[in-house]
Amino acid sequence: MPQTETPGTEVTPRPRLRWWTELPLILLVYGCYSAGRLLARGDVSSAVDHGLAILRIEQLLHLDAEHPLNRLFTREPWIGVPADFWYASLHYLVTPAILVWLFRSHAVRYRAARTWLMTSTFIGLIGFTLLPTCPPRLLHPGHGFTDTMAYYSSYGWWGGQASAPRGMGGMTNQYAAMPSLHVGWALFCGVMLWRYGRTSLARVCAVAYPLLTALVVMGTANHYLLDAVAGAAVMGAGLLLTPYVLRAADAVKARLSLAWAPPAGAVSPVVSGGCQTSAGERIPRQRESRLDPPAGPDASPSGAGDGTPAPAR
């Protein structure tokens, strides 16, 4: 017995995502983030005060993990140099790779994951604007921090200004330390690997990548421990807001679809003039015209045999 659906309960298929629409969207969001991060330059003295306040809070809570890690990274080049490469490049490589993997292998989950990442990134941008923070490496040397990226700059493409290539330090905001989106994006990648990775190696990477990233950002003196904690909190806030953002996006799409839809009274042009063809027909009404009797008073019924009486005259 064929199954029928109750009217009004049909499931509307979700529009299929296309890479040529997703890629420009991601590039646009990242461009807005980079431009906003660059423009969100606070007063240097306020940024230094915020950095020192964070450092005092950590020392008060005995959470000052930056000093021992920074000394280790400075003393041991075999740790410090790879850590600098990690900080300067992996978030540009791993995060897009995770998005591509989700798009290709877990398309149903991709839209929510992409929205989560973008929402959290914009929350982080708000943090950069409201709380400009001087990273440990830019504090007075008396505070005991060494900028490992400047210390090992001869090993890589970066100069003495964060992870920016040499000569491009002016194009980055060095006081955007709170929150650490290096840690936030790494946490996003870890969650995706843990949830959708099918191998034990994926699970190991899911745990190791965000943890090692947190150690790297502190050991290179680019972030405080509380910056890393704030990065994780931003991702949590973005995760909570994602369903609302998705619903708002769907509502906007629905309104745009209604606005672009043709008027209710508009008649779409139909070549057949409303005629429908059935199986075996190439021209509408072809079968009827072939079977119908010719018009005229002497026309006899179609298919009449020899024994059929002639019509009365």
Foldseek 3Di string as FASTA:
>chain_A
DDDDDDPPPDDDDDDADDPVVVVVVVVVLVVVLLVLQLVLADDPVQQAVLQVVVVVVCVVVVNFPLQVLQVVLLVDVVNVVVLLVCQLPDLVPLLVVLLVCCVVPVVVCNVLLVQLLSQLSVVLSVVCNVRQHAFQCPHDCVVPGHQSCCVVVVVDQPHSQRSDGPPCSSSGHLRSPAADLLLLSLQSSLVSLCVPPDDPVSNVSSVPRSVVSLSSCSNSRSYGNVNNVRSNVSSVVSSVCSVVVVVVVVVVVVVVCVVPDDDPPDDDDDPLVPFDDDPPDPHGCPVVVVQAWDDDDQTDHPPDDPPDDGDDD
